């Protein structure tokens, strides 16, 4: 089960009832923040999920409506008593941007690890009070162990905006069921069952036991995709394919605004829905509204006529997503 909260659904500039782009994921008590526009802290206060357990911050690009809330948020997290490191992921230019932000937040109680423009997926293992990230390990045996331990895989894809911009997908693994008959058949000592069930390799009395010796077949996990700001380029479809939830920008609701969308490298509701349909996602939620669009609901049919399971995000909206099947 994963909980998701929309902290801000606006683009360009904050409005009295609409903060700027930000979304929060909560899984196993740990959190991932995607983008951090102005108003993010206020929205988080209203939400009440806390600041201290944010382990990873994913930035799509460096326009102000997606990042200007970051310095204040990092300062608040530091003041909350956090000491474990925070990982910040972003496109080309992230190192330079973070160097600039350090001018106003020179002292933090935790380390900030930067991952700029990752080409390979990032594996994440959530421990009790922190996240551990694995990336590009050339040691084959270490890679295998990391893949066993990882609960989440973060992937990125380059988008088409007026500055370097990346989209994100978050794939959450689902643990296979424990198979008693398989464990007995493989003569696995009972003392190892619980540890192997947690995907931990075990050496015992001169023999190595693997999780596959006690676990049933893999079960389908969960995929959440987040795409903003961009034109609807072909690569997005493959990247978000099969998502349980596809969160996509819809800066313009009216079909008549297509020229504005093309000029400013954004999407209309209809374009977002077309991607959702072609990528066979389960659900589409549209966000990132132009400040000129006071009532996005007026245009929802432009999406729903293309992809039925379309809806609109709003600030403070919370959604719980469960694994499908047994």
Protein backbone atom coordinates (compact mmCIF):
# COMPACT_ATOMS: atom_id res chain seq x y z
CA UNK A 1 0.00 0.00 0.00
CA UNK A 2 1.23 3.47 -0.94
CA UNK A 3 -0.18 6.85 0.10
CA UNK A 4 0.10 9.84 -2.22
CA UNK A 5 -0.65 13.50 -1.51
CA UNK A 6 -0.87 16.44 -3.92
CA UNK A 7 0.76 19.37 -2.13
CA UNK A 8 0.53 21.84 -5.00
CA UNK A 9 -1.18 21.60 -8.38
CA UNK A 10 -0.36 24.96 -9.94
CA UNK A 11 2.13 26.11 -12.52
CA UNK A 12 3.95 29.41 -13.10
CA UNK A 13 2.81 31.33 -10.01
CA UNK A 14 1.05 30.48 -6.72
CA UNK A 15 -2.61 31.37 -6.33
CA UNK A 16 -4.58 31.98 -3.10
CA UNK A 17 -6.12 28.49 -3.30
CA UNK A 18 -3.45 26.72 -5.34
CA UNK A 19 0.20 26.20 -4.43
CA UNK A 20 2.91 25.29 -6.92
CA UNK A 21 4.00 21.87 -8.14
CA UNK A 22 4.71 19.27 -5.47
CA UNK A 23 3.63 15.70 -4.74
CA UNK A 24 4.47 13.44 -1.79
CA UNK A 25 4.69 9.64 -1.68
CA UNK A 26 4.59 7.68 1.58
CA UNK A 27 5.60 4.02 1.72
CA UNK A 28 6.50 1.95 4.77
CA UNK A 29 6.63 5.10 6.87
CA UNK A 30 9.26 6.78 4.63
CA UNK A 31 8.64 9.57 2.12
CA UNK A 32 9.65 10.75 -1.34
CA UNK A 33 8.95 14.32 -2.44
CA UNK A 34 8.56 15.14 -6.13
CA UNK A 35 9.18 18.82 -6.91
CA UNK A 36 9.03 21.58 -4.34
CA UNK A 37 7.34 24.77 -5.52
CA UNK A 38 6.29 27.68 -3.34
CA UNK A 39 3.67 26.66 -0.80
CA UNK A 40 4.97 23.12 -0.32
CA UNK A 41 5.73 23.61 3.39
CA UNK A 42 2.35 25.15 4.13
CA UNK A 43 0.59 22.33 2.31
CA UNK A 44 2.64 19.77 4.23
CA UNK A 45 1.67 21.41 7.51
CA UNK A 46 -1.97 21.07 6.57
CA UNK A 47 -1.44 17.46 5.56
CA UNK A 48 0.18 16.54 8.86
CA UNK A 49 2.49 13.78 7.63
CA UNK A 50 5.60 15.45 9.03
CA UNK A 51 8.88 16.58 7.49
CA UNK A 52 11.55 14.49 9.19
CA UNK A 53 11.04 11.24 7.27
CA UNK A 54 11.55 12.65 3.75
CA UNK A 55 14.47 10.61 2.41
CA UNK A 56 14.46 11.43 -1.30
CA UNK A 57 13.58 14.60 -3.22
CA UNK A 58 13.06 14.25 -6.98
CA UNK A 59 13.23 17.48 -8.99
CA UNK A 60 11.90 17.50 -12.56
CA UNK A 61 13.57 20.78 -13.60
CA UNK A 62 14.75 24.11 -12.23
CA UNK A 63 11.99 26.55 -13.11
CA UNK A 64 10.93 28.44 -10.01
CA UNK A 65 7.48 26.89 -9.77
CA UNK A 66 9.13 23.50 -9.19
CA UNK A 67 12.08 24.30 -6.92
CA UNK A 68 11.82 27.61 -5.07
CA UNK A 69 10.29 25.95 -2.01
CA UNK A 70 13.33 23.69 -1.59
CA UNK A 71 15.71 25.89 0.50
CA UNK A 72 13.08 26.59 3.14
CA UNK A 73 11.98 22.96 3.26
CA UNK A 74 15.54 21.70 3.76
CA UNK A 75 16.01 24.22 6.58
CA UNK A 76 12.80 23.06 8.24
CA UNK A 77 13.82 19.40 7.98
CA UNK A 78 17.18 20.31 9.52
CA UNK A 79 15.43 22.08 12.39
CA UNK A 80 13.25 19.01 12.93
CA UNK A 81 16.29 17.10 14.19
CA UNK A 82 16.97 14.90 11.20
CA UNK A 83 20.55 13.63 10.97
CA UNK A 84 20.30 10.95 8.28
CA UNK A 85 21.27 12.03 4.73
CA UNK A 86 18.76 13.18 2.12
CA UNK A 87 19.15 12.29 -1.54
CA UNK A 88 18.22 14.85 -4.20
CA UNK A 89 17.75 13.63 -7.78
CA UNK A 90 17.44 15.96 -10.76
CA UNK A 91 18.41 16.72 -14.37
CA UNK A 92 21.63 18.18 -15.74
CA UNK A 93 22.56 21.28 -13.74
CA UNK A 94 21.54 19.95 -10.33
CA UNK A 95 25.03 20.36 -8.82
CA UNK A 96 25.18 23.99 -9.92
CA UNK A 97 21.69 24.74 -8.62
CA UNK A 98 22.38 23.15 -5.25
CA UNK A 99 25.64 25.12 -4.95
CA UNK A 100 23.59 28.27 -5.42
CA UNK A 101 20.99 27.27 -2.84
CA UNK A 102 23.70 26.61 -0.26
CA UNK A 103 24.22 30.37 -0.05
CA UNK A 104 20.94 30.69 1.87
CA UNK A 105 21.13 27.31 3.65
CA UNK A 106 24.83 26.95 4.49
CA UNK A 107 24.27 24.83 7.60
CA UNK A 108 22.18 21.67 7.60
CA UNK A 109 22.14 18.96 10.25
CA UNK A 110 22.38 16.23 7.59
CA UNK A 111 24.35 15.48 4.45
CA UNK A 112 22.79 16.07 1.03
CA UNK A 113 23.76 13.51 -1.61
CA UNK A 114 23.16 14.66 -5.19
CA UNK A 115 22.31 12.36 -8.10
CA UNK A 116 22.42 14.38 -11.31
CA UNK A 117 20.79 13.14 -14.51
CA UNK A 118 20.83 9.40 -13.67
CA UNK A 119 21.05 7.17 -16.73
CA UNK A 120 20.39 3.94 -14.86
CA UNK A 121 17.57 3.15 -12.47
CA UNK A 122 18.15 3.70 -8.76
CA UNK A 123 17.34 0.95 -6.28
CA UNK A 124 16.05 1.99 -2.86
CA UNK A 125 15.93 0.01 0.35
CA UNK A 126 13.95 1.67 3.14
CA UNK A 127 15.33 0.90 6.56
CA UNK A 128 13.81 1.87 9.91
CA UNK A 129 14.86 5.53 9.88
CA UNK A 130 16.49 6.13 6.49
CA UNK A 131 16.70 5.15 2.83
CA UNK A 132 19.69 3.39 1.29
CA UNK A 133 20.22 3.97 -2.44
CA UNK A 134 22.15 1.72 -4.83
CA UNK A 135 23.34 2.82 -8.24
CA UNK A 136 25.68 1.45 -10.91
CA UNK A 137 27.42 -1.20 -8.80
CA UNK A 138 29.82 -3.06 -11.11
CA UNK A 139 30.17 -5.98 -8.70
CA UNK A 140 27.78 -8.67 -9.97
CA UNK A 141 27.22 -10.36 -6.61
CA UNK A 142 26.65 -6.97 -4.94
CA UNK A 143 24.12 -6.07 -7.65
CA UNK A 144 22.20 -9.29 -7.05
CA UNK A 145 22.07 -8.68 -3.31
CA UNK A 146 20.95 -5.07 -3.84
CA UNK A 147 18.17 -6.18 -6.18
CA UNK A 148 16.98 -8.64 -3.55
CA UNK A 149 16.93 -6.00 -0.81
CA UNK A 150 15.49 -3.13 -2.85
CA UNK A 151 11.85 -2.28 -2.20
CA UNK A 152 11.62 0.47 -4.82
CA UNK A 153 13.13 1.29 -8.20
CA UNK A 154 13.28 4.89 -9.44
CA UNK A 155 13.69 5.47 -13.18
CA UNK A 156 13.91 8.72 -15.15
CA UNK A 157 13.24 9.81 -18.73
CA UNK A 158 14.22 13.01 -20.53
CA UNK A 159 11.31 15.26 -21.48
CA UNK A 160 10.81 18.11 -23.97
CA UNK A 161 10.63 21.42 -22.13
CA UNK A 162 12.34 24.81 -22.37
CA UNK A 163 14.99 23.67 -19.86
CA UNK A 164 16.46 20.24 -19.05
CA UNK A 165 13.59 18.25 -17.54
CA UNK A 166 13.05 14.63 -16.51
CA UNK A 167 10.04 12.50 -15.67
CA UNK A 168 9.98 9.84 -12.96
CA UNK A 169 8.56 6.39 -12.47
CA UNK A 170 8.45 4.63 -9.11
CA UNK A 171 8.16 0.85 -9.22
CA UNK A 172 7.43 -0.79 -5.88
CA UNK A 173 8.26 -4.46 -5.51
CA UNK A 174 5.78 -6.83 -3.93
CA UNK A 175 7.25 -9.57 -1.79
CA UNK A 176 6.45 -13.11 -2.95
CA UNK A 177 4.48 -15.31 -0.60
CA UNK A 178 6.36 -17.72 1.65
CA UNK A 179 6.08 -21.29 0.33
CA UNK A 180 6.37 -23.83 3.16
CA UNK A 181 6.38 -26.83 0.82
CA UNK A 182 9.18 -25.29 -1.25
CA UNK A 183 11.26 -24.61 1.87
CA UNK A 184 10.87 -28.20 3.04
CA UNK A 185 11.61 -29.59 -0.42
CA UNK A 186 14.83 -27.55 -0.57
CA UNK A 187 15.77 -28.71 2.93
CA UNK A 188 16.08 -25.19 4.27
CA UNK A 189 16.61 -25.13 8.06
CA UNK A 190 13.63 -23.52 9.82
CA UNK A 191 15.96 -21.16 11.66
CA UNK A 192 16.60 -19.39 8.33
CA UNK A 193 13.02 -19.13 7.09
CA UNK A 194 12.19 -15.66 8.43
CA UNK A 195 15.45 -14.10 7.20
CA UNK A 196 15.13 -15.62 3.74
CA UNK A 197 11.54 -14.35 3.61
CA UNK A 198 13.02 -10.85 4.02
CA UNK A 199 15.14 -11.38 0.87
CA UNK A 200 18.38 -11.85 2.78
CA UNK A 201 20.97 -14.37 1.56
CA UNK A 202 22.09 -16.73 4.33
CA UNK A 203 25.30 -18.74 4.79
CA UNK A 204 24.71 -21.61 7.20
CA UNK A 205 26.89 -24.60 7.99
CA UNK A 206 28.96 -24.22 4.83
CA UNK A 207 26.02 -23.73 2.44
CA UNK A 208 24.44 -20.62 0.93
CA UNK A 209 20.65 -20.39 1.04
CA UNK A 210 18.80 -17.98 -1.24
CA UNK A 211 15.33 -16.42 -0.87
CA UNK A 212 14.18 -18.24 -4.01
CA UNK A 213 14.45 -21.51 -2.04
CA UNK A 214 11.52 -20.52 0.22
CA UNK A 215 9.51 -17.99 -1.78
CA UNK A 216 6.77 -18.54 -4.35
CA UNK A 217 6.66 -16.85 -7.77
CA UNK A 218 7.08 -13.08 -8.06
CA UNK A 219 3.90 -11.03 -7.69
CA UNK A 220 3.05 -7.93 -9.70
CA UNK A 221 4.21 -4.78 -8.01
CA UNK A 222 3.02 -1.20 -8.37
CA UNK A 223 4.07 1.57 -10.77
CA UNK A 224 3.51 5.30 -10.31
CA UNK A 225 4.61 7.70 -13.07
CA UNK A 226 4.98 11.49 -12.86
CA UNK A 227 5.39 13.62 -16.00
CA UNK A 228 5.67 17.43 -16.07
CA UNK A 229 6.60 19.87 -17.85
CA UNK A 230 6.76 18.71 -21.46
CA UNK A 231 5.27 18.26 -24.87
CA UNK A 232 3.80 14.78 -25.51
CA UNK A 233 6.88 13.14 -27.05
CA UNK A 234 6.83 9.48 -28.11
CA UNK A 235 9.27 8.26 -25.42
CA UNK A 236 6.79 9.12 -22.65
CA UNK A 237 4.39 6.40 -23.75
CA UNK A 238 6.88 3.59 -23.30
CA UNK A 239 8.19 5.09 -20.08
CA UNK A 240 4.78 5.20 -18.34
CA UNK A 241 3.46 2.01 -19.96
CA UNK A 242 1.27 -0.04 -17.63
CA UNK A 243 1.35 2.45 -14.75
CA UNK A 244 -1.16 1.85 -11.96
CA UNK A 245 -1.28 5.64 -11.67
CA UNK A 246 -0.11 8.17 -14.24
CA UNK A 247 0.21 11.74 -12.90
CA UNK A 248 0.60 14.10 -15.83
CA UNK A 249 0.68 17.81 -16.43
CA UNK A 250 -2.29 19.52 -18.03
CA UNK A 251 -1.28 23.16 -18.10
CA UNK A 252 -4.08 23.96 -20.55
CA UNK A 253 -7.58 22.52 -20.34
CA UNK A 254 -9.12 23.93 -23.52
CA UNK A 255 -8.35 22.36 -26.89
CA UNK A 256 -8.16 25.89 -28.30
CA UNK A 257 -5.01 26.48 -26.24
CA UNK A 258 -2.97 23.98 -28.24
CA UNK A 259 -0.84 26.74 -29.82
CA UNK A 260 0.04 28.07 -26.35
CA UNK A 261 0.89 24.54 -25.25
CA UNK A 262 3.20 24.04 -28.22
CA UNK A 263 4.87 27.44 -27.79
CA UNK A 264 5.47 27.00 -24.05
CA UNK A 265 6.23 23.24 -24.27
CA UNK A 266 3.33 22.04 -22.14
CA UNK A 267 0.28 19.83 -22.71
CA UNK A 268 -3.47 20.15 -22.93
CA UNK A 269 -5.83 17.84 -21.03
CA UNK A 270 -6.59 16.00 -24.27
CA UNK A 271 -2.90 15.35 -24.95
CA UNK A 272 -2.34 13.99 -21.45
CA UNK A 273 -5.33 11.66 -21.83
CA UNK A 274 -4.10 10.45 -25.21
CA UNK A 275 -0.82 9.34 -23.65
CA UNK A 276 -2.73 7.58 -20.86
CA UNK A 277 -4.84 5.68 -23.38
CA UNK A 278 -1.95 4.67 -25.63
CA UNK A 279 0.24 3.65 -22.66
CA UNK A 280 -2.44 1.38 -21.16
CA UNK A 281 -2.29 2.95 -17.72
CA UNK A 282 -4.97 2.19 -15.13
CA UNK A 283 -5.66 5.75 -14.03
CA UNK A 284 -4.76 9.31 -15.03
CA UNK A 285 -4.66 12.27 -12.66
CA UNK A 286 -3.99 15.65 -14.27
CA UNK A 287 -2.13 18.43 -12.43
CA UNK A 288 0.00 21.57 -13.02
CA UNK A 289 -2.69 24.04 -14.08
CA UNK A 290 -2.06 27.42 -15.66
CA UNK A 291 -2.96 30.32 -13.31
CA UNK A 292 -5.29 31.53 -16.07
CA UNK A 293 -7.37 28.36 -15.63
CA UNK A 294 -9.40 29.19 -12.54
CA UNK A 295 -11.69 26.16 -12.75
CA UNK A 296 -9.96 23.12 -14.32
CA UNK A 297 -13.13 21.09 -13.84
CA UNK A 298 -14.72 22.94 -16.76
CA UNK A 299 -12.43 21.02 -19.11
CA UNK A 300 -12.32 17.51 -17.62
CA UNK A 301 -14.43 16.11 -20.47
CA UNK A 302 -11.62 16.92 -22.88
CA UNK A 303 -9.63 14.24 -21.06
CA UNK A 304 -12.44 11.86 -20.09
CA UNK A 305 -13.69 11.61 -23.69
CA UNK A 306 -10.29 10.17 -24.62
CA UNK A 307 -9.46 8.19 -21.46
CA UNK A 308 -12.41 7.41 -19.23
CA UNK A 309 -10.53 6.97 -15.95
CA UNK A 310 -9.27 10.56 -15.88
CA UNK A 311 -9.57 12.94 -12.94
CA UNK A 312 -8.11 16.21 -11.68
CA UNK A 313 -5.74 16.78 -8.79
CA UNK A 314 -6.33 19.50 -6.22
CA UNK A 315 -4.20 20.81 -3.38
CA UNK A 316 -4.46 18.57 -0.32
CA UNK A 317 -5.92 15.59 -2.18
CA UNK A 318 -4.79 12.24 -0.73
CA UNK A 319 -4.98 8.88 -2.49
CA UNK A 320 -4.16 5.35 -1.33
CA UNK A 321 -3.03 2.81 -3.93
CA UNK A 322 -3.08 -0.91 -3.16
CA UNK A 323 -1.40 -3.82 -4.85
CA UNK A 324 -3.68 -5.61 -7.27
CA UNK A 325 -4.41 -9.34 -7.06
CA UNK A 326 -3.38 -11.87 -4.43
